[in-house]
Amino acid sequence: MAIFAIMASTYNLHALHPSQDLPTSSASQLKNAFKGVYELALDAGAVSITRNRKREAILLSAQLYDQMIAELAARDPLEVLRKDYDTRFAGMQTESARQAYDDAFEASPTELGKSALAEAAKKD
């Protein structure tokens, strides 16, 4: 699969459609009548390029491509947080974590108070 970038304007990324729903153009049309396919891409935001009736590439504007890259880059911090959460959650699924949970809920108020004071003393 390939991506071509061309000139453009601003697009609403959330209004884009899956490639099978895009206007299509054959690779031959792209080669022989680039201007028409280019104008279709400017009007629609993107055009699916086919070869032997199979989607092979998407022709999109440079502006749309840049917007997509910026949106993907903006997701990276969230992905880092998601991975951190998954790691922490997996750690809570261990037998020792389950036992600590059970111990905490079975402890008396006096035991909980002593444990809290002991943890506070460790931090000082």
N, C-alpha and C. Protein backbone atom coordinates (compact mmCIF):
# COMPACT_ATOMS: atom_id res chain seq x y z
N MET A 1 0.85 -1.17 0.00
CA MET A 1 0.00 0.00 0.00
C MET A 1 0.89 1.23 0.00
N ALA A 2 0.42 2.27 -0.65
CA ALA A 2 1.20 3.50 -0.73
C ALA A 2 0.30 4.69 -0.45
N ILE A 3 0.93 5.78 -0.05
CA ILE A 3 0.20 7.04 0.16
C ILE A 3 0.88 8.11 -0.66
N PHE A 4 0.10 8.84 -1.44
CA PHE A 4 0.60 9.96 -2.20
C PHE A 4 0.09 11.23 -1.55
N ALA A 5 0.88 12.27 -1.51
CA ALA A 5 0.43 13.54 -0.94
C ALA A 5 0.43 14.62 -2.01
N ILE A 6 -0.61 15.46 -2.03
CA ILE A 6 -0.72 16.55 -2.99
C ILE A 6 -1.10 17.83 -2.26
N MET A 7 -1.20 18.96 -2.98
CA MET A 7 -1.56 20.24 -2.38
C MET A 7 -2.97 20.21 -1.82
N ALA A 8 -3.30 21.24 -0.95
CA ALA A 8 -4.66 21.19 -0.44
C ALA A 8 -5.14 22.30 0.43
N SER A 9 -6.26 21.99 1.11
CA SER A 9 -6.88 22.88 2.07
C SER A 9 -7.10 22.10 3.36
N THR A 10 -7.85 22.66 4.30
CA THR A 10 -8.08 22.00 5.58
C THR A 10 -9.27 21.05 5.49
N TYR A 11 -9.14 19.89 6.12
CA TYR A 11 -10.20 18.87 6.11
C TYR A 11 -10.56 18.48 7.53
N ASN A 12 -11.78 18.05 7.71
CA ASN A 12 -12.22 17.51 8.99
C ASN A 12 -11.86 16.03 9.00
N LEU A 13 -10.84 15.67 9.77
CA LEU A 13 -10.38 14.28 9.79
C LEU A 13 -11.48 13.32 10.23
N HIS A 14 -12.37 13.79 11.08
CA HIS A 14 -13.42 12.91 11.59
C HIS A 14 -14.54 12.69 10.59
N ALA A 15 -14.54 13.45 9.50
CA ALA A 15 -15.56 13.27 8.47
C ALA A 15 -15.07 12.36 7.35
N LEU A 16 -13.84 11.88 7.46
CA LEU A 16 -13.30 11.00 6.42
C LEU A 16 -13.95 9.63 6.50
N HIS A 17 -13.88 8.92 5.40
CA HIS A 17 -14.53 7.61 5.29
C HIS A 17 -13.48 6.52 5.11
N PRO A 18 -13.83 5.27 5.44
CA PRO A 18 -12.92 4.16 5.15
C PRO A 18 -12.61 4.11 3.65
N SER A 19 -11.47 3.57 3.29
CA SER A 19 -11.04 3.61 1.90
C SER A 19 -12.04 2.98 0.93
N GLN A 20 -12.80 1.97 1.38
CA GLN A 20 -13.76 1.35 0.46
C GLN A 20 -14.92 2.29 0.14
N ASP A 21 -15.12 3.35 0.94
CA ASP A 21 -16.20 4.31 0.69
C ASP A 21 -15.74 5.55 -0.07
N LEU A 22 -14.47 5.64 -0.37
CA LEU A 22 -13.94 6.81 -1.08
C LEU A 22 -14.24 6.72 -2.57
N PRO A 23 -14.24 7.89 -3.24
CA PRO A 23 -14.31 7.84 -4.70
C PRO A 23 -13.09 7.07 -5.20
N THR A 24 -13.24 6.35 -6.29
CA THR A 24 -12.13 5.54 -6.79
C THR A 24 -11.66 6.02 -8.15
N SER A 25 -10.44 5.68 -8.43
CA SER A 25 -9.83 5.94 -9.73
C SER A 25 -8.85 4.82 -9.98
N SER A 26 -8.78 4.38 -11.21
CA SER A 26 -7.82 3.32 -11.52
C SER A 26 -6.43 3.92 -11.64
N ALA A 27 -5.44 3.08 -11.49
CA ALA A 27 -4.05 3.53 -11.64
C ALA A 27 -3.84 4.07 -13.05
N SER A 28 -4.51 3.48 -14.03
CA SER A 28 -4.40 3.97 -15.42
C SER A 28 -4.94 5.38 -15.54
N GLN A 29 -6.09 5.65 -14.90
CA GLN A 29 -6.64 7.01 -14.92
C GLN A 29 -5.67 7.98 -14.26
N LEU A 30 -5.08 7.56 -13.16
CA LEU A 30 -4.13 8.42 -12.46
C LEU A 30 -2.96 8.75 -13.38
N LYS A 31 -2.50 7.75 -14.10
CA LYS A 31 -1.35 7.94 -14.99
C LYS A 31 -1.73 8.81 -16.19
N ASN A 32 -2.88 8.54 -16.80
CA ASN A 32 -3.25 9.21 -18.05
C ASN A 32 -4.03 10.51 -17.86
N ALA A 33 -4.70 10.67 -16.73
CA ALA A 33 -5.53 11.87 -16.52
C ALA A 33 -5.34 12.36 -15.08
N PHE A 34 -4.10 12.64 -14.73
CA PHE A 34 -3.77 13.02 -13.37
C PHE A 34 -4.59 14.22 -12.89
N LYS A 35 -4.76 15.21 -13.76
CA LYS A 35 -5.45 16.44 -13.35
C LYS A 35 -6.86 16.14 -12.85
N GLY A 36 -7.59 15.30 -13.55
CA GLY A 36 -8.96 14.96 -13.14
C GLY A 36 -9.00 14.23 -11.81
N VAL A 37 -8.08 13.29 -11.61
CA VAL A 37 -8.01 12.54 -10.36
C VAL A 37 -7.58 13.47 -9.23
N TYR A 38 -6.64 14.35 -9.54
CA TYR A 38 -6.16 15.34 -8.57
C TYR A 38 -7.31 16.23 -8.10
N GLU A 39 -8.12 16.72 -9.04
CA GLU A 39 -9.25 17.58 -8.68
C GLU A 39 -10.28 16.81 -7.86
N LEU A 40 -10.49 15.54 -8.18
CA LEU A 40 -11.40 14.70 -7.40
C LEU A 40 -10.89 14.57 -5.97
N ALA A 41 -9.58 14.39 -5.82
CA ALA A 41 -8.98 14.29 -4.49
C ALA A 41 -9.14 15.59 -3.71
N LEU A 42 -8.99 16.72 -4.39
CA LEU A 42 -9.18 18.01 -3.72
C LEU A 42 -10.62 18.19 -3.28
N ASP A 43 -11.56 17.76 -4.11
CA ASP A 43 -12.98 17.89 -3.77
C ASP A 43 -13.39 16.93 -2.65
N ALA A 44 -12.95 15.68 -2.74
CA ALA A 44 -13.39 14.64 -1.80
C ALA A 44 -12.49 14.50 -0.59
N GLY A 45 -11.29 15.04 -0.65
CA GLY A 45 -10.33 14.89 0.45
C GLY A 45 -9.36 13.76 0.21
N ALA A 46 -9.84 12.70 -0.45
CA ALA A 46 -8.98 11.56 -0.75
C ALA A 46 -9.64 10.73 -1.84
N VAL A 47 -8.83 10.01 -2.59
CA VAL A 47 -9.31 9.12 -3.65
C VAL A 47 -8.62 7.78 -3.51
N SER A 48 -9.39 6.72 -3.61
CA SER A 48 -8.83 5.38 -3.57
C SER A 48 -8.34 5.01 -4.97
N ILE A 49 -7.09 4.65 -5.08
CA ILE A 49 -6.50 4.26 -6.36
C ILE A 49 -6.54 2.74 -6.45
N THR A 50 -7.09 2.25 -7.55
CA THR A 50 -7.23 0.80 -7.71
C THR A 50 -6.35 0.29 -8.85
N ARG A 51 -5.97 -0.95 -8.72
CA ARG A 51 -5.27 -1.65 -9.79
C ARG A 51 -5.92 -3.02 -9.87
N ASN A 52 -6.40 -3.38 -11.05
CA ASN A 52 -7.13 -4.63 -11.23
C ASN A 52 -8.30 -4.73 -10.25
N ARG A 53 -8.98 -3.60 -10.06
CA ARG A 53 -10.16 -3.47 -9.19
C ARG A 53 -9.88 -3.71 -7.71
N LYS A 54 -8.62 -3.70 -7.32
CA LYS A 54 -8.23 -3.83 -5.91
C LYS A 54 -7.70 -2.50 -5.43
N ARG A 55 -8.11 -2.07 -4.22
CA ARG A 55 -7.57 -0.84 -3.66
C ARG A 55 -6.07 -1.04 -3.41
N GLU A 56 -5.28 -0.14 -3.95
CA GLU A 56 -3.83 -0.25 -3.80
C GLU A 56 -3.22 0.93 -3.05
N ALA A 57 -3.84 2.10 -3.19
CA ALA A 57 -3.26 3.30 -2.58
C ALA A 57 -4.35 4.34 -2.36
N ILE A 58 -4.01 5.35 -1.58
CA ILE A 58 -4.92 6.47 -1.34
C ILE A 58 -4.19 7.75 -1.75
N LEU A 59 -4.82 8.52 -2.60
CA LEU A 59 -4.28 9.81 -3.02
C LEU A 59 -4.94 10.86 -2.13
N LEU A 60 -4.13 11.60 -1.37
CA LEU A 60 -4.69 12.61 -0.49
C LEU A 60 -3.84 13.87 -0.52
N SER A 61 -4.42 14.94 -0.03
CA SER A 61 -3.74 16.22 -0.06
C SER A 61 -2.60 16.25 0.96
N ALA A 62 -1.64 17.12 0.72
CA ALA A 62 -0.53 17.28 1.66
C ALA A 62 -1.05 17.79 3.00
N GLN A 63 -2.03 18.70 2.97
CA GLN A 63 -2.62 19.24 4.20
C GLN A 63 -3.29 18.13 5.00
N LEU A 64 -4.05 17.28 4.34
CA LEU A 64 -4.72 16.18 5.03
C LEU A 64 -3.70 15.21 5.61
N TYR A 65 -2.66 14.93 4.84
CA TYR A 65 -1.59 14.05 5.33
C TYR A 65 -0.95 14.64 6.59
N ASP A 66 -0.63 15.94 6.55
CA ASP A 66 -0.03 16.60 7.72
C ASP A 66 -0.96 16.58 8.92
N GLN A 67 -2.26 16.78 8.69
CA GLN A 67 -3.24 16.72 9.78
C GLN A 67 -3.26 15.32 10.39
N MET A 68 -3.22 14.31 9.55
CA MET A 68 -3.25 12.93 10.04
C MET A 68 -2.01 12.64 10.89
N ILE A 69 -0.86 13.08 10.42
CA ILE A 69 0.39 12.86 11.16
C ILE A 69 0.33 13.59 12.50
N ALA A 70 -0.17 14.82 12.49
CA ALA A 70 -0.27 15.59 13.74
C ALA A 70 -1.22 14.90 14.72
N GLU A 71 -2.34 14.38 14.22
CA GLU A 71 -3.28 13.70 15.11
C GLU A 71 -2.68 12.42 15.67
N LEU A 72 -1.96 11.69 14.86
CA LEU A 72 -1.29 10.48 15.35
C LEU A 72 -0.24 10.82 16.40
N ALA A 73 0.51 11.88 16.16
CA ALA A 73 1.53 12.29 17.13
C ALA A 73 0.89 12.71 18.45
N ALA A 74 -0.27 13.32 18.37
CA ALA A 74 -0.96 13.75 19.59
C ALA A 74 -1.45 12.56 20.41
N ARG A 75 -1.61 11.42 19.79
CA ARG A 75 -2.08 10.23 20.50
C ARG A 75 -0.96 9.55 21.27
N ASP A 76 0.27 9.81 20.94
CA ASP A 76 1.38 9.12 21.59
C ASP A 76 1.35 9.22 23.12
N PRO A 77 1.15 10.41 23.70
CA PRO A 77 1.13 10.48 25.17
C PRO A 77 0.03 9.60 25.77
N LEU A 78 -1.10 9.53 25.12
CA LEU A 78 -2.17 8.69 25.61
C LEU A 78 -1.77 7.22 25.55
N GLU A 79 -1.08 6.85 24.50
CA GLU A 79 -0.64 5.46 24.38
C GLU A 79 0.35 5.12 25.48
N VAL A 80 1.22 6.06 25.83
CA VAL A 80 2.17 5.84 26.93
C VAL A 80 1.40 5.62 28.23
N LEU A 81 0.39 6.45 28.48
CA LEU A 81 -0.41 6.29 29.69
C LEU A 81 -1.17 4.96 29.69
N ARG A 82 -1.67 4.57 28.52
CA ARG A 82 -2.40 3.32 28.42
C ARG A 82 -1.50 2.12 28.73
N LYS A 83 -0.29 2.16 28.21
CA LYS A 83 0.65 1.06 28.48
C LYS A 83 1.02 1.02 29.96
N ASP A 84 1.21 2.20 30.57
CA ASP A 84 1.51 2.27 32.00
C ASP A 84 0.35 1.69 32.81
N TYR A 85 -0.86 2.05 32.43
CA TYR A 85 -2.04 1.52 33.12
C TYR A 85 -2.09 -0.01 32.98
N ASP A 86 -1.88 -0.51 31.76
CA ASP A 86 -1.92 -1.96 31.54
C ASP A 86 -0.89 -2.68 32.39
N THR A 87 0.31 -2.09 32.51
CA THR A 87 1.37 -2.69 33.32
C THR A 87 0.96 -2.71 34.79
N ARG A 88 0.45 -1.59 35.27
CA ARG A 88 0.02 -1.52 36.67
C ARG A 88 -1.15 -2.47 36.94
N PHE A 89 -2.08 -2.52 36.01
CA PHE A 89 -3.24 -3.40 36.18
C PHE A 89 -2.79 -4.86 36.21
N ALA A 90 -1.86 -5.23 35.34
CA ALA A 90 -1.35 -6.60 35.34
C ALA A 90 -0.70 -6.93 36.68
N GLY A 91 0.00 -5.94 37.27
CA GLY A 91 0.62 -6.15 38.58
C GLY A 91 -0.40 -6.38 39.67
N MET A 92 -1.59 -5.82 39.50
CA MET A 92 -2.64 -6.01 40.51
C MET A 92 -3.34 -7.36 40.36
N GLN A 93 -3.03 -8.09 39.32
CA GLN A 93 -3.68 -9.37 39.10
C GLN A 93 -2.86 -10.54 39.64
N THR A 94 -1.78 -10.25 40.34
CA THR A 94 -0.93 -11.30 40.89
C THR A 94 -1.52 -11.85 42.19
N GLU A 95 -1.02 -13.00 42.58
CA GLU A 95 -1.49 -13.62 43.83
C GLU A 95 -1.13 -12.76 45.04
N SER A 96 0.06 -12.17 45.04
CA SER A 96 0.45 -11.34 46.19
C SER A 96 -0.43 -10.09 46.29
N ALA A 97 -0.82 -9.52 45.15
CA ALA A 97 -1.72 -8.36 45.18
C ALA A 97 -3.10 -8.76 45.69
N ARG A 98 -3.57 -9.92 45.28
CA ARG A 98 -4.86 -10.40 45.76
C ARG A 98 -4.83 -10.62 47.26
N GLN A 99 -3.72 -11.18 47.74
CA GLN A 99 -3.58 -11.42 49.18
C GLN A 99 -3.53 -10.11 49.95
N ALA A 100 -2.82 -9.12 49.43
CA ALA A 100 -2.75 -7.80 50.09
C ALA A 100 -4.14 -7.16 50.13
N TYR A 101 -4.89 -7.30 49.07
CA TYR A 101 -6.27 -6.79 49.03
C TYR A 101 -7.11 -7.46 50.10
N ASP A 102 -7.05 -8.78 50.16
CA ASP A 102 -7.81 -9.53 51.17
C ASP A 102 -7.40 -9.12 52.58
N ASP A 103 -6.08 -8.99 52.80
CA ASP A 103 -5.58 -8.60 54.13
C ASP A 103 -6.10 -7.22 54.53
N ALA A 104 -6.12 -6.30 53.59
CA ALA A 104 -6.56 -4.93 53.89
C ALA A 104 -8.03 -4.91 54.29
N PHE A 105 -8.84 -5.68 53.60
CA PHE A 105 -10.27 -5.66 53.91
C PHE A 105 -10.64 -6.53 55.11
N GLU A 106 -9.75 -7.40 55.51
CA GLU A 106 -10.01 -8.23 56.68
C GLU A 106 -9.38 -7.64 57.95
N ALA A 107 -8.57 -6.61 57.79
CA ALA A 107 -7.87 -6.01 58.94
C ALA A 107 -8.84 -5.22 59.81
N SER A 108 -8.53 -5.20 61.09
CA SER A 108 -9.33 -4.41 62.04
C SER A 108 -8.93 -2.94 61.92
N PRO A 109 -9.74 -2.04 62.43
CA PRO A 109 -9.38 -0.62 62.40
C PRO A 109 -8.04 -0.34 63.08
N THR A 110 -7.75 -1.06 64.15
CA THR A 110 -6.47 -0.87 64.85
C THR A 110 -5.31 -1.29 63.96
N GLU A 111 -5.45 -2.44 63.29
CA GLU A 111 -4.39 -2.92 62.39
C GLU A 111 -4.19 -1.95 61.22
N LEU A 112 -5.29 -1.44 60.67
CA LEU A 112 -5.19 -0.47 59.57
C LEU A 112 -4.47 0.80 60.02
N GLY A 113 -4.79 1.27 61.23
CA GLY A 113 -4.13 2.46 61.77
C GLY A 113 -2.64 2.26 61.94
N LYS A 114 -2.24 1.11 62.49
CA LYS A 114 -0.82 0.80 62.67
C LYS A 114 -0.10 0.73 61.33
N SER A 115 -0.76 0.10 60.36
CA SER A 115 -0.17 -0.02 59.03
C SER A 115 0.01 1.35 58.38
N ALA A 116 -1.00 2.21 58.52
CA ALA A 116 -0.92 3.56 57.97
C ALA A 116 0.21 4.36 58.60
N LEU A 117 0.37 4.25 59.92
CA LEU A 117 1.46 4.95 60.62
C LEU A 117 2.81 4.41 60.19
N ALA A 118 2.92 3.11 60.00
CA ALA A 118 4.18 2.50 59.57
C ALA A 118 4.56 2.99 58.17
N GLU A 119 3.59 3.06 57.26
CA GLU A 119 3.86 3.54 55.90
C GLU A 119 4.23 5.02 55.90
N ALA A 120 3.57 5.81 56.73
CA ALA A 120 3.88 7.24 56.83
C ALA A 120 5.28 7.45 57.36
N ALA A 121 5.70 6.62 58.30
CA ALA A 121 7.05 6.72 58.87
C ALA A 121 8.11 6.39 57.82
N LYS A 122 7.80 5.48 56.91
CA LYS A 122 8.75 5.11 55.83
C LYS A 122 8.98 6.30 54.90
N LYS A 123 7.98 7.12 54.68
CA LYS A 123 8.07 8.24 53.74
C LYS A 123 8.80 9.43 54.33
N ASP A 124 8.91 9.49 55.64
CA ASP A 124 9.59 10.63 56.30
C ASP A 124 11.06 10.46 56.34
